[in-house]
Protein backbone atom coordinates (compact mmCIF):
# COMPACT_ATOMS: atom_id res chain seq x y z
CA MET A 1 106.99 108.18 89.80
CA ALA A 2 103.85 107.27 90.38
CA ARG A 3 100.68 106.85 89.30
CA LYS A 4 98.32 104.64 91.19
CA LEU A 5 94.65 105.00 90.72
CA LYS A 6 93.42 108.04 92.76
CA ASN A 7 89.93 107.77 92.83
CA GLU A 8 89.40 105.91 95.74
CA ASP A 9 86.10 106.43 97.85
CA SER A 10 86.14 106.52 101.72
CA GLY A 11 84.43 103.92 103.54
CA ARG A 12 84.51 102.21 106.80
CA SER A 13 83.24 98.94 108.41
CA ARG A 14 81.63 98.54 112.08
CA GLY A 15 84.13 98.94 114.44
CA ALA A 16 86.92 100.13 112.31
CA ILE A 17 89.17 102.76 113.01
CA ASN A 18 88.33 106.36 111.88
CA ARG A 19 91.43 106.60 109.89
CA ARG A 20 91.17 110.22 108.90
CA LYS A 21 91.08 111.27 112.37
CA PHE A 22 93.80 109.01 113.37
CA ILE A 23 96.15 110.19 110.43
CA ALA A 24 95.23 113.94 111.48
CA GLY A 25 96.00 113.26 115.21
CA ALA A 26 99.29 111.35 114.54
CA GLY A 27 100.46 114.02 112.07
CA ALA A 28 99.76 116.86 114.43
CA ALA A 29 101.39 114.87 117.51
CA LEU A 30 104.71 114.03 115.12
CA SER A 31 104.67 117.64 113.91
CA PHE A 32 105.65 118.85 117.56
CA ALA A 33 107.82 115.59 118.68
CA VAL A 34 111.17 116.49 120.34
CA ILE A 35 114.34 115.09 118.04
CA LYS A 36 117.01 113.87 120.37
CA PRO A 37 120.37 115.52 119.60
CA GLU A 38 121.97 112.17 118.90
CA ALA A 39 119.16 110.72 116.57
CA VAL A 40 120.02 113.34 113.90
CA ARG A 41 123.02 114.56 112.81
CA GLY A 42 123.81 118.43 113.19
CA SER A 43 120.58 119.20 114.74
CA GLN A 44 119.70 120.62 117.75
CA ALA A 45 116.58 119.44 119.96
CA ASN A 46 113.22 120.87 118.64
CA SER A 47 114.53 121.24 115.07
CA LYS A 48 113.34 119.61 111.92
CA ILE A 49 115.02 116.98 110.22
CA SER A 50 116.84 118.09 107.25
CA LEU A 51 115.53 116.33 104.07
CA GLY A 52 117.31 116.02 100.55
CA MET A 53 115.19 115.03 97.63
CA ILE A 54 116.65 112.84 95.29
CA GLY A 55 114.32 112.70 91.92
CA CYS A 56 112.47 115.96 91.38
CA GLY A 57 109.94 114.91 88.70
CA GLY A 58 106.20 114.52 89.39
CA ARG A 59 106.49 111.97 92.31
CA GLY A 60 109.24 113.79 93.75
CA GLN A 61 107.36 117.14 94.04
CA TRP A 62 104.28 115.35 95.02
CA ILE A 63 105.78 113.53 97.89
CA GLY A 64 108.07 116.50 98.55
CA ALA A 65 104.57 118.30 99.39
CA LEU A 66 103.75 115.66 101.96
CA PHE A 67 106.81 115.88 103.61
CA GLN A 68 106.38 119.60 104.05
CA LYS A 69 102.76 119.13 105.15
CA HIS A 70 103.97 116.95 108.03
CA GLY A 71 105.80 119.91 109.70
CA GLY A 72 108.85 117.57 110.81
CA TYR A 73 110.93 118.01 107.98
CA GLN A 74 112.89 120.88 106.48
CA LEU A 75 113.09 120.30 102.77
CA SER A 76 116.74 121.52 102.46
CA ALA A 77 118.34 120.29 99.42
CA CYS A 78 117.41 118.44 96.08
CA ALA A 79 119.12 116.91 93.02
CA ASP A 80 118.21 115.64 89.67
CA TYR A 81 119.88 114.90 86.38
CA PHE A 82 117.61 117.55 84.89
CA ALA A 83 118.17 121.24 85.94
CA ASP A 84 114.71 122.10 85.00
CA ARG A 85 113.29 119.64 87.51
CA ALA A 86 115.69 120.30 90.28
CA ASP A 87 114.78 124.06 89.86
CA ALA A 88 111.18 123.22 89.80
CA TYR A 89 111.27 121.51 92.96
CA GLY A 90 113.71 124.00 94.53
CA ASN A 91 111.28 126.98 93.48
CA LYS A 92 108.37 125.32 94.88
CA PHE A 93 110.07 124.47 98.21
CA GLU A 94 112.27 127.45 98.57
CA VAL A 95 115.35 125.23 98.46
CA ASP A 96 118.57 127.71 98.05
CA ALA A 97 119.82 127.66 94.21
CA SER A 98 123.34 126.63 95.67
CA ARG A 99 121.55 123.34 97.25
CA ARG A 100 120.08 122.07 94.02
CA PHE A 101 122.37 119.85 92.18
CA THR A 102 122.27 118.15 88.70
CA GLY A 103 123.80 115.55 86.48
CA LEU A 104 124.27 111.61 87.16
CA SER A 105 126.25 112.69 90.21
CA GLY A 106 124.25 115.21 91.86
CA TYR A 107 122.89 113.11 94.63
CA LYS A 108 126.84 112.92 95.83
CA LYS A 109 126.78 116.67 96.11
CA LEU A 110 123.84 116.49 97.90
CA LEU A 111 125.15 114.08 100.48
CA GLU A 112 128.20 116.36 100.86
CA GLY A 113 126.03 119.17 101.93
CA LYS A 114 125.28 116.94 105.37
CA VAL A 115 121.57 116.58 105.20
CA ASP A 116 119.77 114.12 108.00
CA ALA A 117 117.93 112.33 105.67
CA ILE A 118 117.03 111.57 101.97
CA ALA A 119 113.92 110.59 100.18
CA ILE A 120 114.93 109.02 96.61
CA GLU A 121 112.42 108.91 94.03
CA SER A 122 114.66 108.72 91.01
CA PRO A 123 114.16 105.95 88.36
CA PRO A 124 114.23 102.62 90.04
CA TYR A 125 117.72 101.23 88.26
CA PHE A 126 119.45 104.12 90.82
CA HIS A 127 118.09 103.28 93.77
CA PRO A 128 120.68 100.79 95.27
CA GLU A 129 123.44 103.03 94.30
CA GLN A 130 122.13 106.07 95.93
CA SER A 131 120.61 104.18 98.98
CA ALA A 132 123.94 102.64 99.39
CA ALA A 133 125.88 105.89 99.22
CA GLY A 134 123.33 107.48 101.67
CA VAL A 135 124.21 105.00 104.45
CA GLU A 136 127.94 105.26 103.85
CA ALA A 137 127.20 109.11 104.21
CA GLY A 138 125.33 108.49 107.57
CA VAL A 139 121.94 109.59 106.36
CA HIS A 140 118.25 107.88 107.11
CA ILE A 141 116.82 106.69 103.82
CA TYR A 142 113.29 106.99 102.76
CA LEU A 143 112.90 104.62 99.54
CA ALA A 144 110.61 104.62 96.88
CA LYS A 145 109.47 101.16 95.49
CA PRO A 146 110.72 99.14 93.54
CA VAL A 147 113.94 99.00 95.37
CA ALA A 148 115.91 97.68 92.61
CA VAL A 149 115.77 96.32 89.05
CA ASP A 150 117.94 93.17 88.98
CA VAL A 151 119.28 90.76 91.46
CA PRO A 152 122.42 92.54 92.31
CA GLY A 153 120.63 95.64 93.33
CA CYS A 154 118.08 93.91 95.49
CA ARG A 155 121.30 92.45 97.03
CA THR A 156 122.85 95.80 97.63
CA ILE A 157 119.71 97.15 98.94
CA GLU A 158 119.29 94.15 101.68
CA GLU A 159 122.91 94.69 102.38
CA SER A 160 122.44 98.63 103.02
CA ALA A 161 119.49 98.07 105.09
CA LYS A 162 121.44 95.74 107.42
CA LYS A 163 124.33 98.21 107.19
CA ALA A 164 121.74 100.96 108.14
CA SER A 165 120.38 99.31 111.08
CA GLY A 166 123.87 98.67 112.51
CA ARG A 167 124.68 102.37 112.13
CA LYS A 168 121.73 103.42 113.92
CA LEU A 169 119.81 104.67 110.85
CA CYS A 170 116.32 104.53 109.54
CA PHE A 171 115.62 102.57 106.15
CA VAL A 172 111.96 102.91 105.23
CA VAL A 173 110.62 101.52 101.94
CA ASP A 174 107.37 103.21 100.94
CA PHE A 175 104.65 100.44 100.24
CA GLN A 176 101.54 102.27 100.87
CA THR A 177 99.35 99.10 101.10
CA ARG A 178 101.28 97.63 104.08
CA THR A 179 100.19 100.56 106.10
CA ASP A 180 96.39 100.26 105.55
CA PRO A 181 94.53 99.07 108.77
CA PHE A 182 91.92 96.75 106.68
CA TYR A 183 94.81 95.41 105.05
CA VAL A 184 96.87 94.78 108.08
CA GLU A 185 94.07 93.21 109.84
CA ALA A 186 92.73 90.91 107.06
CA VAL A 187 96.40 89.53 106.55
CA LYS A 188 96.94 89.01 110.22
CA ARG A 189 94.02 87.11 110.50
CA VAL A 190 94.78 84.88 107.41
CA GLN A 191 98.23 84.20 108.65
CA ALA A 192 96.42 83.07 111.89
CA GLY A 193 94.54 80.56 109.82
CA ASP A 194 91.06 82.23 109.46
CA ILE A 195 90.98 80.69 105.85
CA GLY A 196 92.49 77.32 106.42
CA GLU A 197 95.24 76.13 104.56
CA MET A 198 95.77 78.24 101.53
CA ILE A 199 95.53 76.19 98.20
CA SER A 200 95.59 78.48 95.26
CA GLY A 201 95.04 82.40 94.28
CA GLU A 202 95.35 85.39 92.04
CA ALA A 203 97.03 88.53 91.60
CA VAL A 204 95.80 91.03 89.28
CA TYR A 205 97.32 94.84 87.98
CA VAL A 206 95.04 95.95 84.93
CA ALA A 207 95.30 99.75 84.06
CA PRO A 208 95.75 102.24 81.21
CA THR A 209 99.08 103.32 80.69
CA PRO A 210 100.46 106.19 82.83
CA PHE A 211 103.53 106.98 80.52
CA ALA A 212 101.69 108.27 77.49
CA ALA A 213 103.45 111.67 78.15
CA GLN A 214 106.89 110.19 78.10
CA VAL A 215 106.34 108.15 75.00
CA ALA A 216 105.58 111.60 73.30
CA GLN A 217 108.82 113.18 75.00
CA LEU A 218 110.98 110.25 73.29
CA ARG A 219 109.28 109.86 70.00
CA PRO A 220 111.23 113.17 68.43
CA ASP A 221 114.50 111.18 68.60
CA PRO A 222 114.50 107.60 70.45
CA GLY A 223 118.24 107.33 70.46
CA ASP A 224 118.78 110.34 72.50
CA SER A 225 120.20 109.54 75.80
CA GLU A 226 118.12 112.37 77.92
CA ARG A 227 115.05 111.64 76.29
CA ARG A 228 115.47 108.01 77.06
CA LEU A 229 116.13 109.19 80.60
CA ARG A 230 113.00 111.33 80.65
CA ALA A 231 110.82 108.38 79.52
CA TRP A 232 112.46 106.03 82.04
CA GLY A 233 108.88 104.91 82.65
CA VAL A 234 109.09 102.72 79.41
CA ASP A 235 112.35 101.70 79.58
CA ARG A 236 113.00 97.99 80.84
CA VAL A 237 116.70 98.80 82.47
CA LEU A 238 115.85 102.30 84.08
CA SER A 239 112.32 101.19 85.32
CA GLY A 240 112.36 97.33 85.70
CA ASP A 241 109.61 96.82 83.17
CA ILE A 242 106.02 97.27 84.10
CA ILE A 243 105.92 93.83 86.11
CA THR A 244 108.73 95.53 88.58
CA GLU A 245 107.89 99.15 88.52
CA GLN A 246 103.90 99.02 88.76
CA ASN A 247 102.81 95.61 89.26
CA ILE A 248 105.01 95.21 92.35
CA HIS A 249 101.65 96.51 94.25
CA SER A 250 99.65 93.56 93.81
CA LEU A 251 102.57 90.85 93.85
CA ASP A 252 103.98 92.48 97.18
CA VAL A 253 100.44 91.81 98.78
CA MET A 254 100.82 88.33 97.28
CA THR A 255 103.87 87.65 99.31
CA TRP A 256 102.93 89.56 102.11
CA ILE A 257 99.97 87.37 102.74
CA LEU A 258 101.53 83.98 101.97
CA ASP A 259 104.81 85.19 103.99
CA GLN A 260 107.14 83.45 101.72
CA ALA A 261 108.86 83.64 98.44
CA PRO A 262 107.78 81.35 95.34
CA VAL A 263 110.04 78.73 94.36
CA ARG A 264 109.69 78.83 90.50
CA ALA A 265 107.48 80.71 87.75
CA TYR A 266 106.81 80.34 84.34
CA GLY A 267 105.12 83.28 82.08
CA ALA A 268 104.77 84.96 78.85
CA GLY A 269 103.97 88.45 77.96
CA GLY A 270 104.72 91.43 75.05
CA LEU A 271 104.20 94.71 73.84
CA LYS A 272 101.37 95.46 71.42
CA SER A 273 99.64 98.88 72.32
CA ARG A 274 102.65 101.36 71.48
CA ASP A 275 105.56 101.48 69.29
CA LEU A 276 108.21 102.90 71.38
CA GLY A 277 109.64 102.10 74.49
CA THR A 278 111.49 98.33 75.96
CA CYS A 279 108.70 97.84 78.70
CA TRP A 280 106.02 95.06 77.87
CA ASP A 281 102.39 96.28 78.15
CA HIS A 282 101.18 92.85 79.60
CA PHE A 283 102.47 89.95 81.33
CA SER A 284 100.88 86.34 82.62
CA VAL A 285 102.76 84.47 85.11
CA ILE A 286 102.27 81.36 86.82
CA TYR A 287 104.09 81.25 90.50
CA THR A 288 104.24 78.26 92.46
CA PHE A 289 105.34 78.50 96.34
CA PRO A 290 106.05 75.94 98.80
CA LYS A 291 103.76 72.97 99.48
CA ASN A 292 102.53 73.40 95.47
CA LEU A 293 100.61 76.56 96.13
CA ILE A 294 99.34 77.97 92.71
CA MET A 295 99.20 81.59 92.18
CA THR A 296 98.12 83.13 88.77
CA PHE A 297 99.38 86.64 87.85
CA HIS A 298 97.95 88.87 85.07
CA SER A 299 98.73 92.47 84.13
CA LYS A 300 97.86 94.99 81.52
CA GLN A 301 98.91 98.47 80.80
CA TYR A 302 96.79 99.77 77.89
CA GLY A 303 93.08 100.62 77.03
CA ARG A 304 90.06 101.49 79.37
CA GLY A 305 87.22 100.07 80.70
CA ILE A 306 88.25 98.33 83.92
CA ASP A 307 91.10 99.37 86.36
CA ASP A 308 92.21 96.93 89.40
CA ILE A 309 95.14 96.27 91.77
CA CYS A 310 93.63 93.01 93.21
CA CYS A 311 95.11 90.00 95.30
CA ARG A 312 92.63 87.32 96.02
CA ILE A 313 93.76 83.82 97.81
CA TYR A 314 91.63 81.03 98.36
CA GLY A 315 92.00 78.67 101.52
CA MET A 316 90.02 75.31 102.44
CA ASP A 317 87.63 77.93 104.95
CA GLY A 318 87.57 81.04 103.17
CA VAL A 319 88.96 83.50 100.88
CA ILE A 320 90.98 86.95 101.76
CA ASP A 321 89.88 89.55 98.66
CA THR A 322 91.94 92.74 98.54
CA HIS A 323 91.81 95.79 96.39
CA TYR A 324 94.18 98.78 95.94
CA THR A 325 91.05 100.86 95.26
CA GLY A 326 88.17 98.91 96.59
CA GLU A 327 87.17 96.45 99.41
CA VAL A 328 89.49 94.53 101.63
CA ASN A 329 87.82 91.32 103.14
CA ILE A 330 87.65 87.56 104.26
CA LYS A 331 84.49 85.54 103.19
CA GLY A 332 84.02 82.11 104.61
CA LYS A 333 84.03 80.30 107.95
CA THR A 334 85.34 83.10 109.92
CA PRO A 335 84.67 86.24 107.98
CA TYR A 336 86.04 89.88 108.40
CA GLU A 337 83.85 92.32 106.98
CA GLY A 338 87.05 94.60 106.54
CA GLY A 339 85.89 97.73 104.31
CA LYS A 340 86.62 100.13 101.50
CA VAL A 341 90.29 101.27 101.39
CA ASP A 342 90.59 105.03 101.96
CA ASN A 343 92.98 106.65 99.17
CA VAL A 344 96.00 104.32 100.03
CA PHE A 345 98.13 105.95 97.64
CA THR A 346 98.28 109.17 99.57
CA ASN A 347 97.59 108.15 103.05
CA GLY A 348 99.72 105.29 102.93
CA ALA A 349 102.55 107.69 102.02
CA ILE A 350 101.51 110.14 104.78
CA ARG A 351 101.82 106.98 107.28
CA ASN A 352 105.19 106.01 106.05
CA ILE A 353 106.46 109.61 106.26
CA ALA A 354 105.12 109.94 109.88
CA THR A 355 106.57 106.38 110.75
CA PHE A 356 109.87 107.59 108.96
CA HIS A 357 109.82 110.69 111.28
CA ARG A 358 108.84 108.79 114.56
CA ASN A 359 111.44 106.10 113.81
CA ILE A 360 114.48 108.84 113.72
CA THR A 361 113.05 110.67 116.51
CA GLY A 362 112.57 107.77 118.59
CA GLY A 363 115.68 105.85 117.85
CA ASP A 364 113.89 102.83 116.21
CA PHE A 365 116.29 101.28 113.60
CA SER A 366 114.93 97.99 113.09
CA ASN A 367 113.89 98.79 109.56
CA PRO A 368 111.38 96.01 109.18
CA THR A 369 110.24 97.06 105.45
CA ALA A 370 113.54 96.34 103.81
CA ALA A 371 113.49 92.55 103.87
CA PRO A 372 109.75 91.87 102.71
CA SER A 373 110.52 94.90 99.89
CA VAL A 374 113.23 92.92 98.51
CA ARG A 375 111.35 89.51 98.47
CA SER A 376 108.45 90.94 96.56
CA ASN A 377 111.08 92.84 94.29
CA LEU A 378 112.78 89.72 93.59
CA THR A 379 109.51 87.90 92.99
CA THR A 380 108.61 90.36 90.23
CA ILE A 381 112.14 89.81 88.60
CA LEU A 382 111.51 86.04 88.69
CA GLY A 383 108.34 86.81 86.88
CA ARG A 384 109.97 88.81 84.21
CA MET A 385 112.66 86.23 83.56
CA ALA A 386 110.17 83.34 83.15
CA ALA A 387 108.19 85.59 80.70
CA ILE A 388 111.03 87.09 78.67
CA ARG A 389 112.65 83.36 78.41
CA ARG A 390 108.88 81.69 77.95
CA ALA A 391 110.31 79.03 80.42
CA GLU A 392 110.13 77.84 83.65
CA VAL A 393 112.73 79.52 85.78
CA THR A 394 113.54 78.77 89.55
CA TRP A 395 114.12 80.93 92.37
CA ASP A 396 117.57 79.42 92.86
CA GLU A 397 118.51 79.63 89.25
CA MET A 398 117.35 83.44 89.21
CA MET A 399 119.81 84.13 92.31
CA LYS A 400 122.55 82.28 91.09
CA ALA A 401 122.37 83.59 87.43
CA ALA A 402 122.52 87.45 89.20
CA GLU A 403 121.79 88.85 85.98
CA LYS A 404 122.76 92.51 86.22
CA LEU A 405 121.07 95.07 83.59
CA ASP A 406 123.04 97.18 81.69
CA PRO A 407 121.67 101.04 81.77
CA GLN A 408 124.13 102.29 78.87
CA LEU A 409 124.50 105.77 80.33
CA THR A 410 126.82 107.01 77.54
CA GLY A 411 125.91 110.37 76.44
CA LEU A 412 124.60 111.46 79.71
CA LYS A 413 126.51 114.19 81.80
CA ALA A 414 128.13 113.16 85.10
């Protein structure tokens, strides 16, 4: 899945951690971690964590290589609706043909195979169901963002994460920005009061479309169920629309800095740049947070010229300025020089994979990434609802309505 901008340059500020050395050292150390026999079902001490991959497209194969490179995982099973994708993954990572599963229920067969953990990289609509099944099967969960496409799905994820902690299972959501040292330090300083009272701000996600190939696959027969599934990135129900599936990165940083959910939103948007798909290509939303703190949000997914995933919040004493592929800093009365983010798309995933391994082998089942991920996911859904209705929608109204999206999976094989 994914698709963030990958042309980040490296950069460091005075006194910053040399992150490449840190990552390399951490990865090497974790590769030789001793797994407690009670921590991983069916594993012996010093063995690798048996990992099943659910969703074997481009994102699944990309992150599968990062799990393999870590050294603490055995890529032992895979599942995808499409046999060609399951086979491509299986051939790449030497997964036995008997451990490659297809169809909508392929993930269930994978779970019957007694893996220790699963990585879920399927279209977002399926994340809640697959996560819940994984927890019920007693395996650790590594989940791609967004965690869900609707309110009921978010509630399922919230419940599954709590249940995982109770059953001594790890549940990690793969947001890359939350692992970056510059982001972590800047947010910590803002929450400690370094920019004073926060008054207003903006979040932005502007980029060209990452789904041109999917549109081309859909074009010969837009009504074909399997073509629609292959082109899930331009399907509102399967993806959650761009505000949920893509723009969540900037909105997650917004809610992370503010450490709260919005109380209401008003929005607009539409689709003008292509003739296929149900996802919009631009959104504009005004969010109101407690104490009448106003945040504006804008996204576009077409054209060329400027790419940026940004969150900027203004306080009485300064401003925090963050960019997914650029500088993160604080300017004002108490400045923080920060620095340029170092390939957060890849390095963030590497850090999350290392954390997942460390938590499993160390018995840390606190699962702190789940709750904030649900909050930011719901924030995107609030913005989507407000924009589609072109009316103000409150958080309470959204939660009470609990609208469930219908995937219309008729015609797909079980």
